[in-house]
């Protein structure tokens, strides 16, 4: 579901830029959380004196409510306040796909029975 969240965040959220110095504790956290992905990018280079890493981030909430089991709510920060984006749950997506498949297969089955 990370792919959905990323697309929604790109479309709806306000991303916050930040700069990380060598001694910044957030840099250590980023290396710990994303180190395997960033390892080749963060490797020291020959004659490197200092390094500054810039990144964008956004914090958001993914909310599932028992009252609405077929919906997932994403809450993103924006300049004007929180924005809520509603998406169907994975279970609902499979149900809709099954219904659409059934609608397309029903005429084929009926035509074969009649023929």
PDB file of N, CA and C in Angstrom:
ATOM      1  N   UNK A   1       0.815  -1.192   0.000  1.00  0.00           N
ATOM      2  CA  UNK A   1       0.000   0.000   0.000  1.00  0.00           C
ATOM      3  C   UNK A   1       0.859   1.258   0.000  1.00  0.00           C
ATOM      4  N   UNK A   2       2.148   1.095   0.148  1.00  0.00           N
ATOM      5  CA  UNK A   2       3.037   2.244   0.137  1.00  0.00           C
ATOM      6  C   UNK A   2       2.976   2.981  -1.191  1.00  0.00           C
ATOM      7  N   UNK A   3       2.787   2.277  -2.271  1.00  0.00           N
ATOM      8  CA  UNK A   3       2.682   2.897  -3.592  1.00  0.00           C
ATOM      9  C   UNK A   3       1.492   3.850  -3.636  1.00  0.00           C
ATOM     10  N   UNK A   4       0.332   3.419  -3.130  1.00  0.00           N
ATOM     11  CA  UNK A   4      -0.845   4.284  -3.068  1.00  0.00           C
ATOM     12  C   UNK A   4      -0.551   5.521  -2.240  1.00  0.00           C
ATOM     13  N   UNK A   5       0.036   5.306  -1.078  1.00  0.00           N
ATOM     14  CA  UNK A   5       0.306   6.422  -0.174  1.00  0.00           C
ATOM     15  C   UNK A   5       1.246   7.426  -0.813  1.00  0.00           C
ATOM     16  N   UNK A   6       2.248   6.958  -1.500  1.00  0.00           N
ATOM     17  CA  UNK A   6       3.204   7.846  -2.158  1.00  0.00           C
ATOM     18  C   UNK A   6       2.514   8.686  -3.239  1.00  0.00           C
ATOM     19  N   UNK A   7       1.681   8.041  -4.051  1.00  0.00           N
ATOM     20  CA  UNK A   7       0.968   8.767  -5.097  1.00  0.00           C
ATOM     21  C   UNK A   7       0.017   9.798  -4.500  1.00  0.00           C
ATOM     22  N   UNK A   8      -0.689   9.423  -3.452  1.00  0.00           N
ATOM     23  CA  UNK A   8      -1.607  10.354  -2.801  1.00  0.00           C
ATOM     24  C   UNK A   8      -0.852  11.513  -2.161  1.00  0.00           C
ATOM     25  N   UNK A   9       0.274  11.218  -1.534  1.00  0.00           N
ATOM     26  CA  UNK A   9       1.070  12.269  -0.905  1.00  0.00           C
ATOM     27  C   UNK A   9       1.617  13.232  -1.957  1.00  0.00           C
ATOM     28  N   UNK A  10       2.061  12.716  -3.096  1.00  0.00           N
ATOM     29  CA  UNK A  10       2.550  13.580  -4.157  1.00  0.00           C
ATOM     30  C   UNK A  10       1.449  14.521  -4.654  1.00  0.00           C
ATOM     31  N   UNK A  11       0.236  14.013  -4.688  1.00  0.00           N
ATOM     32  CA  UNK A  11      -0.876  14.795  -5.219  1.00  0.00           C
ATOM     33  C   UNK A  11      -1.468  15.761  -4.197  1.00  0.00           C
ATOM     34  N   UNK A  12      -1.508  15.389  -2.909  1.00  0.00           N
ATOM     35  CA  UNK A  12      -2.288  16.148  -1.935  1.00  0.00           C
ATOM     36  C   UNK A  12      -1.479  16.805  -0.814  1.00  0.00           C
ATOM     37  N   UNK A  13      -0.332  16.283  -0.470  1.00  0.00           N
ATOM     38  CA  UNK A  13       0.364  16.737   0.734  1.00  0.00           C
ATOM     39  C   UNK A  13       1.312  17.894   0.456  1.00  0.00           C
ATOM     40  N   UNK A  14       1.631  18.610   1.521  1.00  0.00           N
ATOM     41  CA  UNK A  14       2.665  19.627   1.476  1.00  0.00           C
ATOM     42  C   UNK A  14       3.928  19.000   2.042  1.00  0.00           C
ATOM     43  N   UNK A  15       4.918  18.822   1.190  1.00  0.00           N
ATOM     44  CA  UNK A  15       6.169  18.200   1.598  1.00  0.00           C
ATOM     45  C   UNK A  15       7.043  19.240   2.276  1.00  0.00           C
ATOM     46  N   UNK A  16       7.777  18.821   3.303  1.00  0.00           N
ATOM     47  CA  UNK A  16       8.664  19.720   4.039  1.00  0.00           C
ATOM     48  C   UNK A  16      10.107  19.409   3.670  1.00  0.00           C
ATOM     49  N   UNK A  17      10.825  20.381   3.093  1.00  0.00           N
ATOM     50  CA  UNK A  17      12.249  20.138   2.811  1.00  0.00           C
ATOM     51  C   UNK A  17      13.073  20.255   4.083  1.00  0.00           C
ATOM     52  N   UNK A  18      14.153  19.531   4.156  1.00  0.00           N
ATOM     53  CA  UNK A  18      15.057  19.618   5.290  1.00  0.00           C
ATOM     54  C   UNK A  18      16.472  19.343   4.802  1.00  0.00           C
ATOM     55  N   UNK A  19      17.436  19.920   5.486  1.00  0.00           N
ATOM     56  CA  UNK A  19      18.845  19.687   5.161  1.00  0.00           C
ATOM     57  C   UNK A  19      19.479  18.970   6.338  1.00  0.00           C
ATOM     58  N   UNK A  20      20.284  17.967   6.061  1.00  0.00           N
ATOM     59  CA  UNK A  20      20.909  17.170   7.106  1.00  0.00           C
ATOM     60  C   UNK A  20      22.418  17.338   7.060  1.00  0.00           C
ATOM     61  N   UNK A  21      23.000  17.828   8.148  1.00  0.00           N
ATOM     62  CA  UNK A  21      24.450  17.934   8.256  1.00  0.00           C
ATOM     63  C   UNK A  21      25.006  16.599   8.752  1.00  0.00           C
ATOM     64  N   UNK A  22      26.348  16.460   8.704  1.00  0.00           N
ATOM     65  CA  UNK A  22      26.981  15.205   9.131  1.00  0.00           C
ATOM     66  C   UNK A  22      26.652  14.849  10.576  1.00  0.00           C
ATOM     67  N   UNK A  23      26.525  15.854  11.443  1.00  0.00           N
ATOM     68  CA  UNK A  23      26.310  15.588  12.865  1.00  0.00           C
ATOM     69  C   UNK A  23      24.836  15.646  13.269  1.00  0.00           C
ATOM     70  N   UNK A  24      23.935  15.746  12.324  1.00  0.00           N
ATOM     71  CA  UNK A  24      22.504  15.832  12.616  1.00  0.00           C
ATOM     72  C   UNK A  24      21.985  14.466  13.054  1.00  0.00           C
ATOM     73  N   UNK A  25      21.276  14.392  14.201  1.00  0.00           N
ATOM     74  CA  UNK A  25      20.736  13.091  14.641  1.00  0.00           C
ATOM     75  C   UNK A  25      19.704  12.517  13.668  1.00  0.00           C
ATOM     76  N   UNK A  26      19.003  13.389  12.956  1.00  0.00           N
ATOM     77  CA  UNK A  26      18.035  12.895  11.980  1.00  0.00           C
ATOM     78  C   UNK A  26      18.731  12.143  10.852  1.00  0.00           C
ATOM     79  N   UNK A  27      19.955  12.539  10.544  1.00  0.00           N
ATOM     80  CA  UNK A  27      20.724  11.837   9.508  1.00  0.00           C
ATOM     81  C   UNK A  27      20.959  10.386   9.931  1.00  0.00           C
ATOM     82  N   UNK A  28      21.316  10.189  11.195  1.00  0.00           N
ATOM     83  CA  UNK A  28      21.520   8.826  11.698  1.00  0.00           C
ATOM     84  C   UNK A  28      20.228   8.024  11.608  1.00  0.00           C
ATOM     85  N   UNK A  29      19.106   8.666  11.899  1.00  0.00           N
ATOM     86  CA  UNK A  29      17.808   7.992  11.839  1.00  0.00           C
ATOM     87  C   UNK A  29      17.477   7.611  10.394  1.00  0.00           C
ATOM     88  N   UNK A  30      17.735   8.528   9.462  1.00  0.00           N
ATOM     89  CA  UNK A  30      17.469   8.244   8.046  1.00  0.00           C
ATOM     90  C   UNK A  30      18.351   7.090   7.574  1.00  0.00           C
ATOM     91  N   UNK A  31      19.624   7.106   7.978  1.00  0.00           N
ATOM     92  CA  UNK A  31      20.518   6.019   7.578  1.00  0.00           C
ATOM     93  C   UNK A  31      20.054   4.698   8.162  1.00  0.00           C
ATOM     94  N   UNK A  32      19.543   4.722   9.391  1.00  0.00           N
ATOM     95  CA  UNK A  32      19.063   3.482  10.021  1.00  0.00           C
ATOM     96  C   UNK A  32      17.815   2.968   9.298  1.00  0.00           C
ATOM     97  N   UNK A  33      16.852   3.870   9.049  1.00  0.00           N
ATOM     98  CA  UNK A  33      15.583   3.463   8.447  1.00  0.00           C
ATOM     99  C   UNK A  33      15.684   3.161   6.958  1.00  0.00           C
ATOM    100  N   UNK A  34      16.515   3.921   6.241  1.00  0.00           N
ATOM    101  CA  UNK A  34      16.586   3.787   4.790  1.00  0.00           C
ATOM    102  C   UNK A  34      17.986   3.449   4.310  1.00  0.00           C
ATOM    103  N   UNK A  35      18.836   2.998   5.216  1.00  0.00           N
ATOM    104  CA  UNK A  35      20.237   2.761   4.909  1.00  0.00           C
ATOM    105  C   UNK A  35      20.479   1.824   3.751  1.00  0.00           C
ATOM    106  N   UNK A  36      19.715   0.751   3.685  1.00  0.00           N
ATOM    107  CA  UNK A  36      19.946  -0.213   2.608  1.00  0.00           C
ATOM    108  C   UNK A  36      19.656   0.400   1.239  1.00  0.00           C
ATOM    109  N   UNK A  37      18.671   1.281   1.176  1.00  0.00           N
ATOM    110  CA  UNK A  37      18.327   1.926  -0.085  1.00  0.00           C
ATOM    111  C   UNK A  37      19.330   3.027  -0.420  1.00  0.00           C
ATOM    112  N   UNK A  38      19.759   3.754   0.608  1.00  0.00           N
ATOM    113  CA  UNK A  38      20.621   4.917   0.390  1.00  0.00           C
ATOM    114  C   UNK A  38      22.114   4.615   0.492  1.00  0.00           C
ATOM    115  N   UNK A  39      22.457   3.384   0.798  1.00  0.00           N
ATOM    116  CA  UNK A  39      23.855   3.050   1.069  1.00  0.00           C
ATOM    117  C   UNK A  39      24.799   3.483  -0.055  1.00  0.00           C
ATOM    118  N   UNK A  40      24.462   3.169  -1.272  1.00  0.00           N
ATOM    119  CA  UNK A  40      25.352   3.538  -2.377  1.00  0.00           C
ATOM    120  C   UNK A  40      25.392   5.051  -2.584  1.00  0.00           C
ATOM    121  N   UNK A  41      24.297   5.742  -2.277  1.00  0.00           N
ATOM    122  CA  UNK A  41      24.259   7.190  -2.456  1.00  0.00           C
ATOM    123  C   UNK A  41      25.022   7.928  -1.354  1.00  0.00           C
ATOM    124  N   UNK A  42      25.095   7.332  -0.169  1.00  0.00           N
ATOM    125  CA  UNK A  42      25.732   7.992   0.972  1.00  0.00           C
ATOM    126  C   UNK A  42      27.183   7.556   1.179  1.00  0.00           C
ATOM    127  N   UNK A  43      27.714   6.757   0.281  1.00  0.00           N
ATOM    128  CA  UNK A  43      29.088   6.288   0.388  1.00  0.00           C
ATOM    129  C   UNK A  43      30.053   7.471   0.255  1.00  0.00           C
ATOM    130  N   UNK A  44      31.071   7.580   1.128  1.00  0.00           N
ATOM    131  CA  UNK A  44      32.033   8.680   1.005  1.00  0.00           C
ATOM    132  C   UNK A  44      32.791   8.600  -0.319  1.00  0.00           C
ATOM    133  N   UNK A  45      33.099   9.769  -0.850  1.00  0.00           N
ATOM    134  CA  UNK A  45      33.842   9.856  -2.101  1.00  0.00           C
ATOM    135  C   UNK A  45      35.268  10.331  -1.825  1.00  0.00           C
ATOM    136  N   UNK A  46      36.166  10.018  -2.738  1.00  0.00           N
ATOM    137  CA  UNK A  46      37.564  10.392  -2.602  1.00  0.00           C
ATOM    138  C   UNK A  46      37.695  11.914  -2.453  1.00  0.00           C
ATOM    139  N   UNK A  47      38.468  12.372  -1.494  1.00  0.00           N
ATOM    140  CA  UNK A  47      38.745  13.773  -1.195  1.00  0.00           C
ATOM    141  C   UNK A  47      37.496  14.560  -0.778  1.00  0.00           C
ATOM    142  N   UNK A  48      36.519  13.883  -0.271  1.00  0.00           N
ATOM    143  CA  UNK A  48      35.314  14.557   0.208  1.00  0.00           C
ATOM    144  C   UNK A  48      35.625  15.256   1.522  1.00  0.00           C
ATOM    145  N   UNK A  49      35.246  16.499   1.655  1.00  0.00           N
ATOM    146  CA  UNK A  49      35.519  17.265   2.873  1.00  0.00           C
ATOM    147  C   UNK A  49      34.297  17.280   3.778  1.00  0.00           C
ATOM    148  N   UNK A  50      33.141  17.537   3.231  1.00  0.00           N
ATOM    149  CA  UNK A  50      31.908  17.582   4.015  1.00  0.00           C
ATOM    150  C   UNK A  50      30.765  17.130   3.108  1.00  0.00           C
ATOM    151  N   UNK A  51      29.665  16.905   3.745  1.00  0.00           N
ATOM    152  CA  UNK A  51      28.513  16.434   2.988  1.00  0.00           C
ATOM    153  C   UNK A  51      27.246  17.038   3.579  1.00  0.00           C
ATOM    154  N   UNK A  52      26.329  17.344   2.694  1.00  0.00           N
ATOM    155  CA  UNK A  52      25.019  17.819   3.123  1.00  0.00           C
ATOM    156  C   UNK A  52      23.978  17.051   2.319  1.00  0.00           C
ATOM    157  N   UNK A  53      23.039  16.469   2.999  1.00  0.00           N
ATOM    158  CA  UNK A  53      21.990  15.705   2.343  1.00  0.00           C
ATOM    159  C   UNK A  53      20.685  16.479   2.456  1.00  0.00           C
ATOM    160  N   UNK A  54      19.989  16.605   1.359  1.00  0.00           N
ATOM    161  CA  UNK A  54      18.701  17.271   1.366  1.00  0.00           C
ATOM    162  C   UNK A  54      17.629  16.250   1.022  1.00  0.00           C
ATOM    163  N   UNK A  55      16.542  16.323   1.728  1.00  0.00           N
ATOM    164  CA  UNK A  55      15.439  15.428   1.441  1.00  0.00           C
ATOM    165  C   UNK A  55      14.122  16.118   1.720  1.00  0.00           C
ATOM    166  N   UNK A  56      13.058  15.548   1.166  1.00  0.00           N
ATOM    167  CA  UNK A  56      11.711  16.018   1.439  1.00  0.00           C
ATOM    168  C   UNK A  56      10.992  14.908   2.189  1.00  0.00           C
ATOM    169  N   UNK A  57      10.145  15.314   3.107  1.00  0.00           N
ATOM    170  CA  UNK A  57       9.395  14.308   3.829  1.00  0.00           C
ATOM    171  C   UNK A  57       7.990  14.823   4.111  1.00  0.00           C
ATOM    172  N   UNK A  58       7.119  13.908   4.375  1.00  0.00           N
ATOM    173  CA  UNK A  58       5.760  14.256   4.768  1.00  0.00           C
ATOM    174  C   UNK A  58       5.305  13.194   5.763  1.00  0.00           C
ATOM    175  N   UNK A  59       4.672  13.648   6.816  1.00  0.00           N
ATOM    176  CA  UNK A  59       4.076  12.715   7.781  1.00  0.00           C
ATOM    177  C   UNK A  59       2.586  12.683   7.501  1.00  0.00           C
ATOM    178  N   UNK A  60       2.027  11.499   7.504  1.00  0.00           N
ATOM    179  CA  UNK A  60       0.604  11.371   7.247  1.00  0.00           C
ATOM    180  C   UNK A  60       0.061  10.220   8.072  1.00  0.00           C
ATOM    181  N   UNK A  61      -1.245  10.172   8.167  1.00  0.00           N
ATOM    182  CA  UNK A  61      -1.904   9.106   8.920  1.00  0.00           C
ATOM    183  C   UNK A  61      -2.735   8.261   7.968  1.00  0.00           C
ATOM    184  N   UNK A  62      -2.688   6.967   8.168  1.00  0.00           N
ATOM    185  CA  UNK A  62      -3.542   6.026   7.445  1.00  0.00           C
ATOM    186  C   UNK A  62      -4.526   5.493   8.479  1.00  0.00           C
ATOM    187  N   UNK A  63      -5.820   5.730   8.241  1.00  0.00           N
ATOM    188  CA  UNK A  63      -6.827   5.419   9.247  1.00  0.00           C
ATOM    189  C   UNK A  63      -7.841   4.445   8.671  1.00  0.00           C
ATOM    190  N   UNK A  64      -8.105   3.376   9.399  1.00  0.00           N
ATOM    191  CA  UNK A  64      -9.167   2.425   9.057  1.00  0.00           C
ATOM    192  C   UNK A  64     -10.145   2.400  10.225  1.00  0.00           C
ATOM    193  N   UNK A  65     -11.421   2.597   9.933  1.00  0.00           N
ATOM    194  CA  UNK A  65     -12.450   2.639  10.973  1.00  0.00           C
ATOM    195  C   UNK A  65     -13.326   1.395  10.900  1.00  0.00           C
ATOM    196  N   UNK A  66     -13.697   0.870  12.047  1.00  0.00           N
ATOM    197  CA  UNK A  66     -14.592  -0.285  12.083  1.00  0.00           C
ATOM    198  C   UNK A  66     -15.957   0.062  11.479  1.00  0.00           C
ATOM    199  N   UNK A  67     -16.388   1.324  11.621  1.00  0.00           N
ATOM    200  CA  UNK A  67     -17.684   1.749  11.089  1.00  0.00           C
ATOM    201  C   UNK A  67     -17.694   1.788   9.556  1.00  0.00           C
ATOM    202  N   UNK A  68     -16.520   1.910   8.956  1.00  0.00           N
ATOM    203  CA  UNK A  68     -16.389   1.970   7.494  1.00  0.00           C
ATOM    204  C   UNK A  68     -15.324   0.957   7.055  1.00  0.00           C
ATOM    205  N   UNK A  69     -15.652  -0.334   7.097  1.00  0.00           N
ATOM    206  CA  UNK A  69     -14.624  -1.346   6.828  1.00  0.00           C
ATOM    207  C   UNK A  69     -14.122  -1.374   5.384  1.00  0.00           C
ATOM    208  N   UNK A  70     -14.845  -0.755   4.466  1.00  0.00           N
ATOM    209  CA  UNK A  70     -14.446  -0.802   3.060  1.00  0.00           C
ATOM    210  C   UNK A  70     -13.761   0.481   2.604  1.00  0.00           C
ATOM    211  N   UNK A  71     -13.352   1.307   3.555  1.00  0.00           N
ATOM    212  CA  UNK A  71     -12.678   2.555   3.214  1.00  0.00           C
ATOM    213  C   UNK A  71     -11.404   2.705   4.040  1.00  0.00           C
ATOM    214  N   UNK A  72     -10.409   3.334   3.434  1.00  0.00           N
ATOM    215  CA  UNK A  72      -9.195   3.702   4.152  1.00  0.00           C
ATOM    216  C   UNK A  72      -9.044   5.207   3.984  1.00  0.00           C
ATOM    217  N   UNK A  73      -8.797   5.884   5.078  1.00  0.00           N
ATOM    218  CA  UNK A  73      -8.653   7.337   5.071  1.00  0.00           C
ATOM    219  C   UNK A  73      -7.176   7.685   5.231  1.00  0.00           C
ATOM    220  N   UNK A  74      -6.691   8.543   4.362  1.00  0.00           N
ATOM    221  CA  UNK A  74      -5.336   9.072   4.470  1.00  0.00           C
ATOM    222  C   UNK A  74      -5.465  10.545   4.834  1.00  0.00           C
ATOM    223  N   UNK A  75      -4.741  10.966   5.860  1.00  0.00           N
ATOM    224  CA  UNK A  75      -4.772  12.362   6.292  1.00  0.00           C
ATOM    225  C   UNK A  75      -3.397  12.961   6.027  1.00  0.00           C
ATOM    226  N   UNK A  76      -3.363  13.992   5.171  1.00  0.00           N
ATOM    227  CA  UNK A  76      -2.121  14.638   4.767  1.00  0.00           C
ATOM    228  C   UNK A  76      -2.104  16.081   5.247  1.00  0.00           C
ATOM    229  N   UNK A  77      -0.933  16.583   5.639  1.00  0.00           N
ATOM    230  CA  UNK A  77      -0.836  17.997   5.982  1.00  0.00           C
ATOM    231  C   UNK A  77      -0.766  18.838   4.704  1.00  0.00           C
ATOM    232  N   UNK A  78      -1.463  19.960   4.702  1.00  0.00           N
ATOM    233  CA  UNK A  78      -1.371  20.924   3.615  1.00  0.00           C
ATOM    234  C   UNK A  78      -1.211  22.302   4.238  1.00  0.00           C
ATOM    235  N   UNK A  79      -0.940  23.295   3.421  1.00  0.00           N
ATOM    236  CA  UNK A  79      -0.766  24.651   3.943  1.00  0.00           C
ATOM    237  C   UNK A  79      -2.045  25.188   4.569  1.00  0.00           C
ATOM    238  N   UNK A  80      -3.194  24.744   4.087  1.00  0.00           N
ATOM    239  CA  UNK A  80      -4.471  25.233   4.613  1.00  0.00           C
ATOM    240  C   UNK A  80      -5.045  24.340   5.716  1.00  0.00           C
ATOM    241  N   UNK A  81      -4.374  23.290   6.098  1.00  0.00           N
ATOM    242  CA  UNK A  81      -4.856  22.378   7.139  1.00  0.00           C
ATOM    243  C   UNK A  81      -4.848  20.950   6.641  1.00  0.00           C
ATOM    244  N   UNK A  82      -5.273  20.018   7.483  1.00  0.00           N
ATOM    245  CA  UNK A  82      -5.259  18.601   7.086  1.00  0.00           C
ATOM    246  C   UNK A  82      -6.218  18.331   5.929  1.00  0.00           C
ATOM    247  N   UNK A  83      -5.799  17.459   5.037  1.00  0.00           N
ATOM    248  CA  UNK A  83      -6.645  17.018   3.920  1.00  0.00           C
ATOM    249  C   UNK A  83      -6.857  15.523   4.062  1.00  0.00           C
ATOM    250  N   UNK A  84      -8.116  15.110   3.990  1.00  0.00           N
ATOM    251  CA  UNK A  84      -8.472  13.698   4.105  1.00  0.00           C
ATOM    252  C   UNK A  84      -8.806  13.169   2.720  1.00  0.00           C
ATOM    253  N   UNK A  85      -8.157  12.073   2.349  1.00  0.00           N
ATOM    254  CA  UNK A  85      -8.406  11.415   1.070  1.00  0.00           C
ATOM    255  C   UNK A  85      -8.938  10.019   1.377  1.00  0.00           C
ATOM    256  N   UNK A  86     -10.067   9.688   0.780  1.00  0.00           N
ATOM    257  CA  UNK A  86     -10.708   8.392   1.027  1.00  0.00           C
ATOM    258  C   UNK A  86     -10.397   7.466  -0.143  1.00  0.00           C
ATOM    259  N   UNK A  87      -9.964   6.262   0.172  1.00  0.00           N
ATOM    260  CA  UNK A  87      -9.669   5.242  -0.833  1.00  0.00           C
ATOM    261  C   UNK A  87     -10.405   3.958  -0.448  1.00  0.00           C
ATOM    262  N   UNK A  88     -10.795   3.155  -1.430  1.00  0.00           N
ATOM    263  CA  UNK A  88     -11.397   1.868  -1.087  1.00  0.00           C
ATOM    264  C   UNK A  88     -10.355   0.931  -0.487  1.00  0.00           C
ATOM    265  N   UNK A  89     -10.809   0.084   0.409  1.00  0.00           N
ATOM    266  CA  UNK A  89      -9.901  -0.885   1.026  1.00  0.00           C
ATOM    267  C   UNK A  89      -9.526  -1.945  -0.011  1.00  0.00           C
ATOM    268  N   UNK A  90      -8.425  -2.675   0.224  1.00  0.00           N
ATOM    269  CA  UNK A  90      -8.068  -3.757  -0.711  1.00  0.00           C
ATOM    270  C   UNK A  90      -9.185  -4.790  -0.875  1.00  0.00           C
ATOM    271  N   UNK A  91      -9.890  -5.085   0.210  1.00  0.00           N
ATOM    272  CA  UNK A  91     -10.994  -6.042   0.125  1.00  0.00           C
ATOM    273  C   UNK A  91     -12.085  -5.518  -0.812  1.00  0.00           C
ATOM    274  N   UNK A  92     -12.402  -4.231  -0.708  1.00  0.00           N
ATOM    275  CA  UNK A  92     -13.428  -3.636  -1.569  1.00  0.00           C
ATOM    276  C   UNK A  92     -12.972  -3.642  -3.032  1.00  0.00           C
ATOM    277  N   UNK A  93     -11.708  -3.395  -3.276  1.00  0.00           N
ATOM    278  CA  UNK A  93     -11.192  -3.414  -4.645  1.00  0.00           C
ATOM    279  C   UNK A  93     -11.363  -4.802  -5.257  1.00  0.00           C
ATOM    280  N   UNK A  94     -11.078  -5.855  -4.482  1.00  0.00           N
ATOM    281  CA  UNK A  94     -11.264  -7.224  -4.988  1.00  0.00           C
ATOM    282  C   UNK A  94     -12.742  -7.514  -5.233  1.00  0.00           C
ATOM    283  N   UNK A  95     -13.617  -7.013  -4.349  1.00  0.00           N
ATOM    284  CA  UNK A  95     -15.050  -7.216  -4.557  1.00  0.00           C
ATOM    285  C   UNK A  95     -15.520  -6.549  -5.842  1.00  0.00           C
ATOM    286  N   UNK A  96     -15.075  -5.322  -6.072  1.00  0.00           N
ATOM    287  CA  UNK A  96     -15.463  -4.605  -7.286  1.00  0.00           C
ATOM    288  C   UNK A  96     -14.913  -5.321  -8.523  1.00  0.00           C
ATOM    289  N   UNK A  97     -13.676  -5.784  -8.445  1.00  0.00           N
ATOM    290  CA  UNK A  97     -13.082  -6.513  -9.569  1.00  0.00           C
ATOM    291  C   UNK A  97     -13.872  -7.792  -9.861  1.00  0.00           C
ATOM    292  N   UNK A  98     -14.318  -8.479  -8.822  1.00  0.00           N
ATOM    293  CA  UNK A  98     -15.124  -9.692  -9.008  1.00  0.00           C
ATOM    294  C   UNK A  98     -16.460  -9.388  -9.662  1.00  0.00           C
ATOM    295  N   UNK A  99     -17.087  -8.295  -9.240  1.00  0.00           N
ATOM    296  CA  UNK A  99     -18.372  -7.901  -9.828  1.00  0.00           C
ATOM    297  C   UNK A  99     -18.189  -7.533 -11.302  1.00  0.00           C
ATOM    298  N   UNK A 100     -17.178  -6.748 -11.609  1.00  0.00           N
ATOM    299  CA  UNK A 100     -16.921  -6.347 -13.002  1.00  0.00           C
ATOM    300  C   UNK A 100     -16.624  -7.572 -13.864  1.00  0.00           C
ATOM    301  N   UNK A 101     -15.840  -8.497 -13.346  1.00  0.00           N
ATOM    302  CA  UNK A 101     -15.541  -9.731 -14.085  1.00  0.00           C
ATOM    303  C   UNK A 101     -16.819 -10.520 -14.330  1.00  0.00           C
ATOM    304  N   UNK A 102     -17.656 -10.620 -13.310  1.00  0.00           N
ATOM    305  CA  UNK A 102     -18.929 -11.327 -13.457  1.00  0.00           C
ATOM    306  C   UNK A 102     -19.831 -10.684 -14.492  1.00  0.00           C
ATOM    307  N   UNK A 103     -19.870  -9.356 -14.516  1.00  0.00           N
ATOM    308  CA  UNK A 103     -20.701  -8.639 -15.494  1.00  0.00           C
ATOM    309  C   UNK A 103     -20.228  -8.923 -16.913  1.00  0.00           C
ATOM    310  N   UNK A 104     -18.921  -9.016 -17.118  1.00  0.00           N
ATOM    311  CA  UNK A 104     -18.407  -9.301 -18.459  1.00  0.00           C
ATOM    312  C   UNK A 104     -18.549 -10.774 -18.827  1.00  0.00           C
ATOM    313  N   UNK A 105     -18.455 -11.669 -17.854  1.00  0.00           N
ATOM    314  CA  UNK A 105     -18.545 -13.097 -18.161  1.00  0.00           C
ATOM    315  C   UNK A 105     -19.987 -13.594 -18.297  1.00  0.00           C
ATOM    316  N   UNK A 106     -20.932 -12.942 -17.654  1.00  0.00           N
ATOM    317  CA  UNK A 106     -22.320 -13.398 -17.686  1.00  0.00           C
ATOM    318  C   UNK A 106     -22.874 -13.462 -19.108  1.00  0.00           C
ATOM    319  N   UNK A 107     -22.748 -12.428 -19.936  1.00  0.00           N
ATOM    320  CA  UNK A 107     -23.247 -12.551 -21.323  1.00  0.00           C
ATOM    321  C   UNK A 107     -22.565 -13.666 -22.120  1.00  0.00           C
ATOM    322  N   UNK A 108     -21.279 -13.874 -21.881  1.00  0.00           N
ATOM    323  CA  UNK A 108     -20.576 -14.939 -22.589  1.00  0.00           C
ATOM    324  C   UNK A 108     -21.148 -16.292 -22.184  1.00  0.00           C
ATOM    325  N   UNK A 109     -21.368 -16.497 -20.909  1.00  0.00           N
ATOM    326  CA  UNK A 109     -21.932 -17.771 -20.447  1.00  0.00           C
ATOM    327  C   UNK A 109     -23.350 -17.966 -20.950  1.00  0.00           C
ATOM    328  N   UNK A 110     -24.155 -16.914 -20.916  1.00  0.00           N
ATOM    329  CA  UNK A 110     -25.529 -17.014 -21.402  1.00  0.00           C
ATOM    330  C   UNK A 110     -25.541 -17.322 -22.893  1.00  0.00           C
ATOM    331  N   UNK A 111     -24.676 -16.673 -23.664  1.00  0.00           N
ATOM    332  CA  UNK A 111     -24.642 -16.940 -25.121  1.00  0.00           C
ATOM    333  C   UNK A 111     -24.210 -18.362 -25.423  1.00  0.00           C
ATOM    334  N   UNK A 112     -23.318 -18.917 -24.607  1.00  0.00           N
ATOM    335  CA  UNK A 112     -22.877 -20.299 -24.826  1.00  0.00           C
ATOM    336  C   UNK A 112     -23.981 -21.286 -24.440  1.00  0.00           C
ATOM    337  N   UNK A 113     -24.756 -20.946 -23.417  1.00  0.00           N
ATOM    338  CA  UNK A 113     -25.850 -21.834 -23.012  1.00  0.00           C
ATOM    339  C   UNK A 113     -26.946 -21.822 -24.077  1.00  0.00           C
ATOM    340  N   UNK A 114     -27.239 -20.639 -24.610  1.00  0.00           N
ATOM    341  CA  UNK A 114     -28.292 -20.508 -25.614  1.00  0.00           C
ATOM    342  C   UNK A 114     -27.862 -21.156 -26.932  1.00  0.00           C
ATOM    343  N   UNK A 115     -26.598 -21.043 -27.282  1.00  0.00           N
ATOM    344  CA  UNK A 115     -26.115 -21.558 -28.569  1.00  0.00           C
ATOM    345  C   UNK A 115     -25.963 -23.038 -28.598  1.00  0.00           C
TER     346      UNK A 115
END
